[in-house]
Amino acid sequence: MRPNLLTVPQNESRSFDLRHERLPYFTNPWHFHPELELNFVVSSAGTRFIGHSVDRFDGGEIVLLGKNLPHYWRNEAIYYQKTEAPPVAEAIVVRFNEGFLGNDFFDRSETRLIQHLFEKASGGFKLKEPLFSKIAAQLVELTEKQGFPQLMALLSILYEMGVHTDSCEPISPGYVASHSLVKQNLRLSNVISYLMEHFTSPVSLEEVAQLANMNEAAFCRYFKGQTGKTLTQYLSDLRIRYACELLSKGEDSVTQVCYQAGFENVSHFIQAFKKQRHQTPFEFRKQANR
């Protein structure tokens, strides 16, 4: 998996990219693109990675992602298994350039709320009720329209979101590494990609530094500057957030979750979990399963 710049297909019949996907599982790996993305996960479940955020996702979620914001939806294991009645990963995805209607279009007094919406989406945000239900219905209708009515429907959706940003929950607030990611795509994105694929296994500083083509000291400074975290902190964050997803299912013991998430011993897992979540894994599971 190489999280290089994703080229969004251009469609001569419309000024933005729109697709209604029904797949066994979501196929795009860790990637980014200059287009903003409005993503409605209709049906699916797993772990989503957006900027610095790692969290669980379920069907019935709408997020707006800013330009060049790295993201990746990884489905639960069952989606990759061959079964008689496999689950379906369904999503409505809209991608568009910030200036898809002209460089100054969103600079007008009537459209400035949408421009502010784009700025607030730099770290991504998730829609809350009552805005979620309204936009979900409009996105379904968007896929049924064509031409000018479809364009007007998209503008109406963006305007509605711009008016009600109080119903938007930040996902990766303060994320500012996107510009550097574009400039240094191969170096940083290969490292992040490797960590996402291997965080449940032992990861050494030496091997990750070699992947970045740097010595260990230089890599530590570089990684901290790009992500705001040390390698150890970044790995621990990935593992604990994944552990939260496993604990929420309530299927495995805390000890089993500890090792599945990549921790080497239970006592360290509990200590790290409590430091980040301000509760033990046992308390988290009890609260999640109420």
Protein backbone atom coordinates (compact mmCIF):
# COMPACT_ATOMS: atom_id res chain seq x y z
CA MET A 1 0.00 0.00 0.00
CA ARG A 2 1.52 3.32 -1.13
CA PRO A 3 -0.55 6.31 0.00
CA ASN A 4 0.40 8.47 -2.94
CA LEU A 5 -1.69 11.28 -4.28
CA LEU A 6 -5.02 9.85 -5.43
CA THR A 7 -6.15 11.07 -8.84
CA VAL A 8 -9.88 11.71 -8.72
CA PRO A 9 -11.52 10.86 -12.09
CA GLN A 10 -12.84 13.80 -14.06
CA ASN A 11 -16.35 13.53 -15.48
CA GLU A 12 -17.30 15.59 -18.52
CA SER A 13 -20.98 15.54 -17.52
CA ARG A 14 -20.47 17.28 -14.16
CA SER A 15 -18.02 19.62 -12.39
CA PHE A 16 -17.53 17.29 -9.39
CA ASP A 17 -17.05 13.57 -8.77
CA LEU A 18 -20.03 11.67 -7.39
CA ARG A 19 -20.31 7.96 -6.78
CA HIS A 20 -22.63 5.60 -4.94
CA GLU A 21 -20.48 2.60 -3.99
CA ARG A 22 -21.71 -0.84 -2.94
CA LEU A 23 -18.70 -3.08 -2.37
CA PRO A 24 -17.68 -6.10 -0.29
CA TYR A 25 -15.30 -3.70 1.52
CA PHE A 26 -13.84 -0.23 1.00
CA THR A 27 -10.82 -0.51 -1.28
CA ASN A 28 -8.98 2.83 -1.11
CA PRO A 29 -5.90 2.61 1.15
CA TRP A 30 -4.35 5.49 3.16
CA HIS A 31 -4.41 8.34 0.65
CA PHE A 32 -5.05 12.03 0.10
CA HIS A 33 -6.10 14.29 -2.78
CA PRO A 34 -6.45 18.04 -3.44
CA GLU A 35 -10.23 17.69 -3.65
CA LEU A 36 -12.48 18.07 -0.61
CA GLU A 37 -14.55 14.97 0.11
CA LEU A 38 -18.05 14.61 1.52
CA ASN A 39 -18.42 10.97 2.57
CA PHE A 40 -21.66 9.34 3.70
CA VAL A 41 -21.04 5.81 5.03
CA VAL A 42 -24.47 4.29 4.55
CA SER A 43 -23.58 0.79 5.68
CA SER A 44 -20.28 -0.60 6.97
CA ALA A 45 -18.14 -0.85 10.09
CA GLY A 46 -14.49 -0.76 11.06
CA THR A 47 -11.73 1.71 11.88
CA ARG A 48 -11.24 5.05 10.16
CA PHE A 49 -7.99 6.98 10.01
CA ILE A 50 -8.27 10.73 9.32
CA GLY A 51 -5.29 13.01 9.85
CA HIS A 52 -4.10 12.23 13.38
CA SER A 53 -7.38 10.59 14.34
CA VAL A 54 -8.04 6.87 14.63
CA ASP A 55 -11.60 5.95 15.55
CA ARG A 56 -14.37 3.45 14.98
CA PHE A 57 -16.95 4.03 12.25
CA ASP A 58 -20.34 2.47 11.67
CA GLY A 59 -23.06 2.86 9.08
CA GLY A 60 -24.83 6.18 9.34
CA GLU A 61 -21.90 8.59 9.40
CA ILE A 62 -21.21 11.68 7.30
CA VAL A 63 -17.84 13.43 7.29
CA LEU A 64 -16.41 16.34 5.33
CA LEU A 65 -12.68 16.11 4.65
CA GLY A 66 -10.55 19.12 3.73
CA LYS A 67 -8.14 19.14 0.80
CA ASN A 68 -5.00 16.99 1.13
CA LEU A 69 -6.26 15.47 4.40
CA PRO A 70 -5.04 11.83 4.57
CA HIS A 71 -7.76 9.29 5.24
CA TYR A 72 -8.45 5.56 5.18
CA TRP A 73 -11.51 3.45 6.06
CA ARG A 74 -10.51 -0.08 7.08
CA ASN A 75 -13.38 -2.54 7.40
CA GLU A 76 -13.76 -5.17 10.10
CA ALA A 77 -12.26 -8.57 9.34
CA ILE A 78 -15.63 -10.11 8.47
CA TYR A 79 -15.91 -7.90 5.37
CA TYR A 80 -12.86 -9.59 3.84
CA GLN A 81 -14.10 -13.14 4.49
CA LYS A 82 -16.07 -15.22 2.04
CA THR A 83 -19.43 -16.06 3.62
CA GLU A 84 -22.85 -17.05 2.33
CA ALA A 85 -24.31 -13.67 3.28
CA PRO A 86 -21.39 -11.20 3.24
CA PRO A 87 -21.91 -7.70 4.65
CA VAL A 88 -21.91 -4.78 2.22
CA ALA A 89 -19.85 -1.60 2.43
CA GLU A 90 -22.02 1.17 1.00
CA ALA A 91 -21.13 4.84 0.71
CA ILE A 92 -22.08 7.98 -1.19
CA VAL A 93 -18.93 9.97 -1.94
CA VAL A 94 -18.70 13.49 -3.38
CA ARG A 95 -15.30 14.96 -4.29
CA PHE A 96 -14.74 18.47 -5.62
CA ASN A 97 -12.01 21.06 -5.94
CA GLU A 98 -12.24 24.15 -3.76
CA GLY A 99 -12.64 26.25 -6.91
CA PHE A 100 -14.74 23.81 -8.94
CA LEU A 101 -17.14 26.65 -9.83
CA GLY A 102 -14.42 29.23 -10.39
CA ASN A 103 -11.68 30.64 -8.17
CA ASP A 104 -13.81 33.50 -6.81
CA PHE A 105 -17.23 31.84 -6.69
CA PHE A 106 -17.12 31.11 -2.95
CA ASP A 107 -15.72 34.55 -2.21
CA ARG A 108 -19.09 36.23 -2.79
CA SER A 109 -21.26 37.42 0.07
CA GLU A 110 -23.92 34.83 -0.78
CA THR A 111 -21.48 31.91 -0.77
CA ARG A 112 -18.92 32.96 1.84
CA LEU A 113 -20.43 30.60 4.44
CA ILE A 114 -19.42 27.71 2.19
CA GLN A 115 -15.86 29.04 1.95
CA HIS A 116 -15.71 29.16 5.75
CA LEU A 117 -17.02 25.58 5.78
CA PHE A 118 -14.11 24.49 3.58
CA GLU A 119 -11.65 26.16 5.94
CA LYS A 120 -13.16 24.43 8.98
CA ALA A 121 -12.86 21.08 7.20
CA SER A 122 -9.05 21.19 7.17
CA GLY A 123 -8.94 18.52 9.90
CA GLY A 124 -12.24 16.94 8.94
CA PHE A 125 -15.51 16.94 10.85
CA LYS A 126 -18.46 14.64 11.44
CA LEU A 127 -22.11 15.70 11.24
CA LYS A 128 -24.29 15.40 14.34
CA GLU A 129 -28.06 15.40 14.63
CA PRO A 130 -30.29 17.02 13.55
CA LEU A 131 -28.05 18.06 10.63
CA PHE A 132 -26.97 14.48 9.87
CA SER A 133 -30.46 13.18 9.01
CA LYS A 134 -31.23 16.17 6.82
CA ILE A 135 -27.98 15.95 4.84
CA ALA A 136 -28.21 12.14 4.58
CA ALA A 137 -31.59 12.44 2.85
CA GLN A 138 -30.29 15.17 0.54
CA LEU A 139 -27.24 13.10 -0.44
CA VAL A 140 -29.46 10.20 -1.43
CA GLU A 141 -31.54 12.61 -3.53
CA LEU A 142 -28.33 14.04 -5.03
CA THR A 143 -27.52 10.67 -6.62
CA GLU A 144 -30.95 10.67 -8.31
CA LYS A 145 -30.51 14.08 -9.99
CA GLN A 146 -28.62 15.12 -13.11
CA GLY A 147 -27.19 18.28 -14.62
CA PHE A 148 -28.09 21.71 -13.25
CA PRO A 149 -30.55 20.42 -10.57
CA GLN A 150 -27.80 18.14 -9.26
CA LEU A 151 -25.31 21.03 -9.03
CA MET A 152 -27.87 23.20 -7.23
CA ALA A 153 -28.58 20.32 -4.85
CA LEU A 154 -24.88 20.04 -3.97
CA LEU A 155 -24.63 23.77 -3.34
CA SER A 156 -27.72 23.56 -1.12
CA ILE A 157 -26.09 20.75 0.89
CA LEU A 158 -22.87 22.72 1.35
CA TYR A 159 -24.77 25.88 2.30
CA GLU A 160 -26.89 23.98 4.85
CA MET A 161 -23.72 22.61 6.43
CA GLY A 162 -22.14 26.08 6.43
CA VAL A 163 -25.14 27.52 8.25
CA HIS A 164 -25.12 24.76 10.88
CA THR A 165 -21.44 24.26 11.68
CA ASP A 166 -22.48 23.99 15.34
CA SER A 167 -23.69 20.51 14.37
CA CYS A 168 -20.23 19.58 13.08
CA GLU A 169 -17.86 17.66 15.39
CA PRO A 170 -14.11 18.06 14.62
CA ILE A 171 -12.29 14.81 13.85
CA SER A 172 -8.60 15.76 13.76
CA PRO A 173 -8.52 19.37 15.07
CA GLY A 174 -5.33 21.30 14.50
CA TYR A 175 -4.11 19.02 11.74
CA VAL A 176 -1.61 21.06 9.73
CA ALA A 177 0.70 18.51 8.10
CA SER A 178 -1.15 18.25 4.80
CA HIS A 179 1.06 20.77 2.97
CA SER A 180 4.17 18.92 4.07
CA LEU A 181 2.57 15.63 3.09
CA VAL A 182 2.10 16.88 -0.45
CA LYS A 183 5.71 18.07 -0.62
CA GLN A 184 7.23 15.02 1.01
CA ASN A 185 4.70 12.42 -0.04
CA LEU A 186 6.94 9.38 -0.37
CA ARG A 187 8.84 9.88 2.87
CA LEU A 188 6.10 10.60 5.41
CA SER A 189 3.25 8.76 3.75
CA ASN A 190 5.29 5.57 3.38
CA VAL A 191 6.08 5.71 7.09
CA ILE A 192 2.46 6.32 8.11
CA SER A 193 1.30 3.62 5.72
CA TYR A 194 3.77 1.15 7.22
CA LEU A 195 2.65 1.99 10.76
CA MET A 196 -1.00 1.51 9.88
CA GLU A 197 -0.29 -1.87 8.36
CA HIS A 198 1.96 -3.07 11.19
CA PHE A 199 0.91 -1.28 14.41
CA THR A 200 -0.48 -4.51 15.88
CA SER A 201 3.00 -6.08 15.54
CA PRO A 202 6.35 -5.07 17.10
CA VAL A 203 7.74 -1.97 15.34
CA SER A 204 11.32 -0.79 15.85
CA LEU A 205 12.65 2.74 15.47
CA GLU A 206 15.50 1.39 13.36
CA GLU A 207 13.29 -0.16 10.69
CA VAL A 208 11.00 2.86 10.45
CA ALA A 209 13.96 5.26 10.21
CA GLN A 210 15.41 3.13 7.41
CA LEU A 211 12.08 3.31 5.61
CA ALA A 212 12.34 7.10 5.73
CA ASN A 213 15.98 6.97 4.58
CA MET A 214 17.15 8.81 7.72
CA ASN A 215 19.23 8.05 10.78
CA GLU A 216 17.28 7.44 13.98
CA ALA A 217 17.96 10.82 15.64
CA ALA A 218 17.04 12.78 12.51
CA PHE A 219 13.94 10.66 11.99
CA CYS A 220 12.72 11.27 15.56
CA ARG A 221 12.97 15.05 15.07
CA TYR A 222 11.33 14.84 11.64
CA PHE A 223 8.44 12.59 12.75
CA LYS A 224 7.69 14.70 15.82
CA GLY A 225 7.70 17.85 13.71
CA GLN A 226 5.30 16.34 11.15
CA THR A 227 2.86 14.55 13.44
CA GLY A 228 3.23 16.35 16.77
CA LYS A 229 3.97 12.99 18.43
CA THR A 230 6.94 10.71 19.02
CA LEU A 231 6.92 7.36 17.24
CA THR A 232 6.11 5.63 20.54
CA GLN A 233 3.20 8.00 21.22
CA TYR A 234 1.87 7.60 17.69
CA LEU A 235 1.96 3.80 17.90
CA SER A 236 0.38 3.82 21.34
CA ASP A 237 -2.41 6.06 20.06
CA LEU A 238 -3.11 3.73 17.13
CA ARG A 239 -3.10 0.68 19.39
CA ILE A 240 -5.34 2.16 22.08
CA ARG A 241 -7.90 3.41 19.59
CA TYR A 242 -7.94 0.00 17.95
CA ALA A 243 -8.26 -1.58 21.40
CA CYS A 244 -11.31 0.63 22.00
CA GLU A 245 -12.91 -0.78 18.87
CA LEU A 246 -12.22 -4.35 20.03
CA LEU A 247 -13.45 -3.65 23.56
CA SER A 248 -16.65 -2.12 22.22
CA LYS A 249 -17.51 -5.41 20.54
CA GLY A 250 -17.30 -7.20 23.89
CA GLU A 251 -16.19 -10.47 22.31
CA ASP A 252 -12.64 -10.91 23.66
CA SER A 253 -11.10 -10.54 27.13
CA VAL A 254 -9.00 -7.51 28.03
CA THR A 255 -5.91 -9.72 27.91
CA GLN A 256 -6.77 -10.89 24.39
CA VAL A 257 -7.45 -7.30 23.28
CA CYS A 258 -4.09 -6.23 24.73
CA TYR A 259 -2.13 -8.56 22.46
CA GLN A 260 -4.41 -8.13 19.45
CA ALA A 261 -3.82 -4.37 19.59
CA GLY A 262 -0.03 -4.80 19.64
CA PHE A 263 0.89 -4.32 23.32
CA GLU A 264 3.51 -6.67 24.75
CA ASN A 265 2.12 -7.01 28.28
CA VAL A 266 -1.17 -6.39 30.03
CA SER A 267 0.09 -4.11 32.80
CA HIS A 268 1.63 -1.68 30.28
CA PHE A 269 -1.56 -1.82 28.21
CA ILE A 270 -3.74 -0.91 31.20
CA GLN A 271 -1.37 1.88 32.25
CA ALA A 272 -1.19 3.38 28.73
CA PHE A 273 -4.94 3.03 28.25
CA LYS A 274 -5.74 4.78 31.51
CA LYS A 275 -3.28 7.59 30.76
CA GLN A 276 -4.93 8.34 27.42
CA ARG A 277 -8.60 7.51 28.13
CA HIS A 278 -8.69 8.40 31.85
CA GLN A 279 -10.27 5.02 32.63
CA THR A 280 -9.17 1.40 32.61
CA PRO A 281 -10.00 -0.96 29.72
CA PHE A 282 -12.43 -2.73 32.07
CA GLU A 283 -14.24 0.54 32.83
CA PHE A 284 -14.31 1.46 29.14
CA ARG A 285 -15.82 -1.91 28.20
CA LYS A 286 -18.45 -1.66 30.91
CA GLN A 287 -19.45 1.84 29.77
CA ALA A 288 -19.43 0.89 26.06
CA ASN A 289 -21.65 -2.14 26.61
CA ARG A 290 -24.34 -0.46 28.68
